[in-house]
N, C-alpha and C. Protein backbone atom coordinates (compact mmCIF):
# COMPACT_ATOMS: atom_id res chain seq x y z
N UNK A 1 16.53 13.60 -4.81
CA UNK A 1 16.96 11.94 -4.02
C UNK A 1 16.12 11.81 -2.90
N UNK A 2 15.45 10.78 -2.84
CA UNK A 2 14.74 10.24 -1.78
C UNK A 2 15.26 8.87 -0.92
N UNK A 3 14.82 8.58 -0.07
CA UNK A 3 15.48 6.95 0.33
C UNK A 3 14.38 6.95 1.45
N UNK A 4 14.19 5.35 1.70
CA UNK A 4 13.61 4.93 2.71
C UNK A 4 14.31 3.74 3.30
N UNK A 5 14.15 3.06 3.93
CA UNK A 5 14.69 2.00 5.09
C UNK A 5 13.63 1.45 5.07
N UNK A 6 13.64 -0.02 4.53
CA UNK A 6 12.76 -0.88 4.80
C UNK A 6 13.47 -2.33 5.46
N UNK A 7 12.79 -3.41 5.49
CA UNK A 7 12.92 -4.66 5.96
C UNK A 7 12.79 -5.68 5.12
N UNK A 8 13.19 -6.81 4.36
CA UNK A 8 13.12 -8.04 4.30
C UNK A 8 12.30 -8.67 5.40
N UNK A 9 10.87 -9.31 4.56
CA UNK A 9 10.51 -9.83 5.64
C UNK A 9 10.07 -11.68 4.76
N UNK A 10 10.52 -11.20 3.95
CA UNK A 10 10.15 -13.09 3.16
C UNK A 10 10.62 -13.97 3.98
N UNK A 11 10.56 -14.82 3.97
CA UNK A 11 10.91 -16.47 4.91
C UNK A 11 12.32 -16.72 4.39
N UNK A 12 12.56 -16.87 3.14
CA UNK A 12 13.79 -17.29 2.25
C UNK A 12 14.41 -16.19 2.43
N UNK A 13 13.95 -14.84 2.27
CA UNK A 13 15.19 -13.27 1.62
C UNK A 13 14.81 -13.36 0.42
N UNK A 14 15.61 -12.57 -0.38
CA UNK A 14 15.86 -11.97 -1.55
C UNK A 14 15.96 -12.76 -2.33
N UNK A 15 15.74 -13.99 -2.82
CA UNK A 15 16.03 -15.39 -3.51
C UNK A 15 15.54 -14.56 -4.92
N UNK A 16 15.29 -15.72 -5.99
CA UNK A 16 15.95 -15.11 -7.32
C UNK A 16 14.08 -14.76 -8.01
N UNK A 17 13.36 -15.42 -7.51
CA UNK A 17 12.00 -14.84 -7.43
C UNK A 17 11.88 -13.51 -7.32
N UNK A 18 11.68 -12.94 -6.27
CA UNK A 18 11.66 -11.69 -5.83
C UNK A 18 12.46 -10.76 -6.48
N UNK A 19 13.75 -10.92 -6.07
CA UNK A 19 15.02 -10.44 -6.93
C UNK A 19 14.73 -9.85 -8.61
N UNK A 20 14.22 -10.75 -9.42
CA UNK A 20 13.88 -10.63 -10.59
C UNK A 20 12.66 -9.73 -10.70
N UNK A 21 11.89 -9.64 -9.69
CA UNK A 21 10.13 -8.85 -9.78
C UNK A 21 11.32 -7.45 -9.43
N UNK A 22 11.62 -7.32 -8.41
CA UNK A 22 12.55 -6.05 -8.18
C UNK A 22 12.95 -5.42 -9.32
N UNK A 23 13.82 -6.07 -9.77
CA UNK A 23 14.78 -5.80 -10.92
C UNK A 23 13.74 -5.65 -12.05
N UNK A 24 12.76 -6.22 -12.95
CA UNK A 24 11.98 -5.69 -13.25
C UNK A 24 10.90 -4.42 -13.36
N UNK A 25 10.93 -3.94 -12.14
CA UNK A 25 9.65 -2.87 -11.43
C UNK A 25 10.63 -1.74 -12.01
N UNK A 26 12.46 -2.11 -11.31
CA UNK A 26 12.99 -0.76 -11.54
C UNK A 26 13.54 -0.44 -12.69
N UNK A 27 13.20 -1.61 -13.90
CA UNK A 27 13.77 -1.71 -15.58
C UNK A 27 12.93 -0.41 -16.08
N UNK A 28 11.47 -0.86 -15.67
CA UNK A 28 10.40 0.04 -16.18
C UNK A 28 10.57 1.01 -15.79
N UNK A 29 10.93 2.16 -14.85
CA UNK A 29 11.24 3.36 -14.64
C UNK A 29 12.51 4.00 -15.47
N UNK A 30 12.51 3.95 -16.45
CA UNK A 30 13.71 4.25 -17.16
C UNK A 30 14.36 5.48 -16.50
N UNK A 31 13.53 6.86 -16.43
CA UNK A 31 14.22 8.30 -16.16
C UNK A 31 14.51 8.07 -14.18
N UNK A 32 14.41 6.68 -14.00
CA UNK A 32 14.91 6.92 -12.42
C UNK A 32 16.19 6.03 -12.17
N UNK A 33 17.04 6.23 -11.08
CA UNK A 33 17.64 5.51 -10.96
C UNK A 33 17.77 4.90 -9.64
N UNK A 34 17.81 3.48 -9.57
CA UNK A 34 17.35 3.20 -7.95
C UNK A 34 18.33 2.15 -7.41
N UNK A 35 19.33 2.56 -6.26
CA UNK A 35 20.16 2.31 -5.83
C UNK A 35 19.17 1.30 -4.19
N UNK A 36 20.11 0.31 -3.73
CA UNK A 36 20.16 -0.25 -2.65
C UNK A 36 21.12 -0.59 -1.68
N UNK A 37 21.31 -0.30 -0.34
CA UNK A 37 22.65 -0.38 0.37
C UNK A 37 21.92 -1.27 1.42
N UNK A 38 22.85 -2.62 1.61
CA UNK A 38 22.60 -3.53 2.58
C UNK A 38 23.89 -4.33 2.77
N UNK A 39 23.89 -5.08 4.34
CA UNK A 39 24.92 -5.67 4.61
C UNK A 39 26.18 -5.05 3.91
N UNK A 40 26.05 -3.91 4.10
CA UNK A 40 27.37 -3.18 3.29
C UNK A 40 27.62 -2.62 2.41
N UNK A 41 26.61 -3.22 1.58
CA UNK A 41 27.14 -3.42 -0.48
C UNK A 41 26.23 -2.27 -0.42
N UNK A 42 26.49 -1.42 -1.83
CA UNK A 42 25.53 -0.54 -2.89
C UNK A 42 25.01 -1.55 -4.20
N UNK A 43 23.89 -1.55 -4.41
CA UNK A 43 23.55 -2.59 -5.06
C UNK A 43 22.78 -2.33 -6.28
N UNK A 44 23.25 -1.99 -7.29
CA UNK A 44 22.06 -1.65 -8.73
C UNK A 44 20.53 -2.64 -8.56
N UNK A 45 19.77 -1.87 -8.61
CA UNK A 45 18.32 -2.31 -8.36
C UNK A 45 17.82 -2.99 -9.17
N UNK A 46 18.27 -2.91 -10.75
CA UNK A 46 18.14 -3.22 -11.61
C UNK A 46 19.19 -4.43 -12.38
N UNK A 47 19.88 -5.17 -11.25
CA UNK A 47 20.96 -5.80 -11.61
C UNK A 47 20.45 -7.04 -10.96
N UNK A 48 19.77 -7.95 -11.09
CA UNK A 48 19.41 -9.30 -10.47
C UNK A 48 20.61 -9.88 -10.12
N UNK A 49 21.64 -9.94 -10.58
CA UNK A 49 23.01 -10.82 -9.52
C UNK A 49 23.29 -10.14 -8.88
N UNK A 50 23.37 -8.65 -9.06
CA UNK A 50 24.09 -7.98 -7.43
C UNK A 50 22.91 -7.95 -6.60
N UNK A 51 21.31 -8.61 -7.20
CA UNK A 51 20.46 -8.18 -5.76
C UNK A 51 20.71 -9.73 -5.10
N UNK A 52 21.06 -10.69 -5.62
CA UNK A 52 21.08 -12.13 -5.57
C UNK A 52 22.81 -12.37 -4.06
N UNK A 53 23.31 -11.66 -4.99
CA UNK A 53 24.84 -11.53 -4.35
C UNK A 53 24.55 -10.97 -2.87
N UNK A 54 24.24 -9.92 -2.82
CA UNK A 54 23.83 -9.04 -1.65
C UNK A 54 23.18 -9.92 -0.54
N UNK A 55 23.27 -11.24 -0.84
CA UNK A 55 22.64 -11.82 0.39
C UNK A 55 21.53 -11.48 1.15
N UNK A 56 20.45 -10.63 0.81
CA UNK A 56 19.90 -9.96 2.07
C UNK A 56 18.79 -11.08 2.35
N UNK A 57 18.92 -11.41 3.49
CA UNK A 57 18.04 -12.61 4.28
C UNK A 57 16.67 -12.60 5.03
N UNK A 58 16.00 -12.73 5.47
CA UNK A 58 15.04 -11.86 6.08
C UNK A 58 15.36 -11.38 7.46
N UNK A 59 14.89 -10.76 7.84
CA UNK A 59 15.12 -8.79 8.95
C UNK A 59 16.56 -8.23 8.01
N UNK A 60 16.77 -8.75 7.07
CA UNK A 60 18.09 -7.59 6.59
C UNK A 60 17.23 -6.05 6.33
N UNK A 61 17.65 -5.08 6.99
CA UNK A 61 17.80 -3.56 6.37
C UNK A 61 18.02 -3.50 5.09
N UNK A 62 17.19 -2.57 4.54
CA UNK A 62 17.36 -2.30 3.26
C UNK A 62 16.97 -0.82 3.14
N UNK A 63 18.18 0.02 3.04
CA UNK A 63 18.18 1.30 1.89
C UNK A 63 17.56 1.63 0.88
N UNK A 64 16.27 2.00 0.44
CA UNK A 64 16.60 2.10 -0.97
C UNK A 64 16.95 3.61 -1.64
N UNK A 65 17.18 4.07 -2.21
CA UNK A 65 17.86 5.26 -2.44
C UNK A 65 17.22 5.83 -4.16
N UNK A 66 16.62 6.48 -4.32
CA UNK A 66 15.92 6.85 -5.39
C UNK A 66 15.93 8.32 -5.88
N UNK A 67 16.61 8.30 -7.48
CA UNK A 67 17.31 9.27 -7.78
C UNK A 67 16.42 9.66 -9.45
N UNK A 68 16.07 10.79 -9.83
CA UNK A 68 15.60 10.80 -11.16
C UNK A 68 13.91 11.23 -10.90
N UNK A 69 13.10 10.89 -12.63
CA UNK A 69 11.46 11.64 -12.42
C UNK A 69 11.05 10.45 -11.41
N UNK A 70 9.91 11.23 -11.26
CA UNK A 70 8.83 10.52 -10.38
C UNK A 70 9.29 9.88 -9.02
N UNK A 71 9.96 10.23 -7.79
CA UNK A 71 10.85 10.06 -7.20
C UNK A 71 10.03 9.19 -5.92
N UNK A 72 8.87 9.90 -5.72
CA UNK A 72 8.26 9.38 -4.51
C UNK A 72 7.33 8.55 -4.73
N UNK A 73 6.97 8.36 -6.29
CA UNK A 73 6.23 7.60 -6.95
C UNK A 73 6.82 5.89 -7.07
N UNK A 74 8.28 6.32 -7.73
CA UNK A 74 8.82 5.13 -7.57
C UNK A 74 9.36 4.42 -5.92
N UNK A 75 9.51 5.56 -5.61
CA UNK A 75 10.00 5.02 -3.90
C UNK A 75 8.92 3.91 -3.50
N UNK A 76 7.84 4.52 -3.39
CA UNK A 76 6.45 4.31 -3.02
C UNK A 76 6.11 2.71 -3.66
N UNK A 77 6.46 2.22 -4.44
CA UNK A 77 6.34 1.28 -5.04
C UNK A 77 7.28 0.24 -5.26
N UNK A 78 8.74 0.47 -4.65
CA UNK A 78 9.60 -0.20 -4.61
C UNK A 78 9.42 -1.10 -3.23
N UNK A 79 9.39 0.23 -2.05
CA UNK A 79 9.00 -0.05 -0.66
C UNK A 79 7.66 -0.75 -0.43
N UNK A 80 6.81 -0.73 -1.35
CA UNK A 80 5.75 -2.06 -1.49
C UNK A 80 5.86 -2.81 -1.40
N UNK A 81 7.11 -2.93 -2.38
CA UNK A 81 7.30 -4.61 -3.27
C UNK A 81 7.61 -5.43 -1.84
N UNK A 82 8.40 -4.60 -0.83
CA UNK A 82 9.21 -5.09 -0.01
C UNK A 82 8.13 -5.38 1.22
N UNK A 83 7.73 -4.66 1.55
CA UNK A 83 6.43 -4.62 2.88
C UNK A 83 5.44 -5.29 2.66
N UNK A 84 5.50 -5.63 1.02
CA UNK A 84 3.89 -6.98 1.16
C UNK A 84 4.75 -8.06 0.91
N UNK A 85 5.98 -8.21 0.81
CA UNK A 85 6.96 -9.64 1.08
C UNK A 85 6.94 -9.95 -0.21
N UNK A 86 6.89 -9.57 -1.50
CA UNK A 86 6.63 -9.70 -2.98
C UNK A 86 5.52 -10.62 -3.63
N UNK A 87 4.73 -10.64 -2.61
CA UNK A 87 3.11 -11.65 -2.93
C UNK A 87 3.58 -12.87 -2.33
N UNK A 88 4.75 -12.95 -1.64
CA UNK A 88 5.26 -14.20 -1.16
C UNK A 88 4.13 -14.74 0.55
């Protein structure tokens, strides 16, 4: 299991589009489980509604937890999405 803490940099926080992109990227890694911890909540990263319900606004610290196959590659990809503001 690997973890990394990132910060939401999107002006609008994790709204529907970045939440959907995140869930889609996580779902593509079927041999890994990705969880997020933010605002005191444990969030399944492939569940768009859980991501949205967590209310991750700009400046929110998010811990990414990856367990399973290719942990480092999956962690780097997901962390990179946060660090690049999901292309916004």
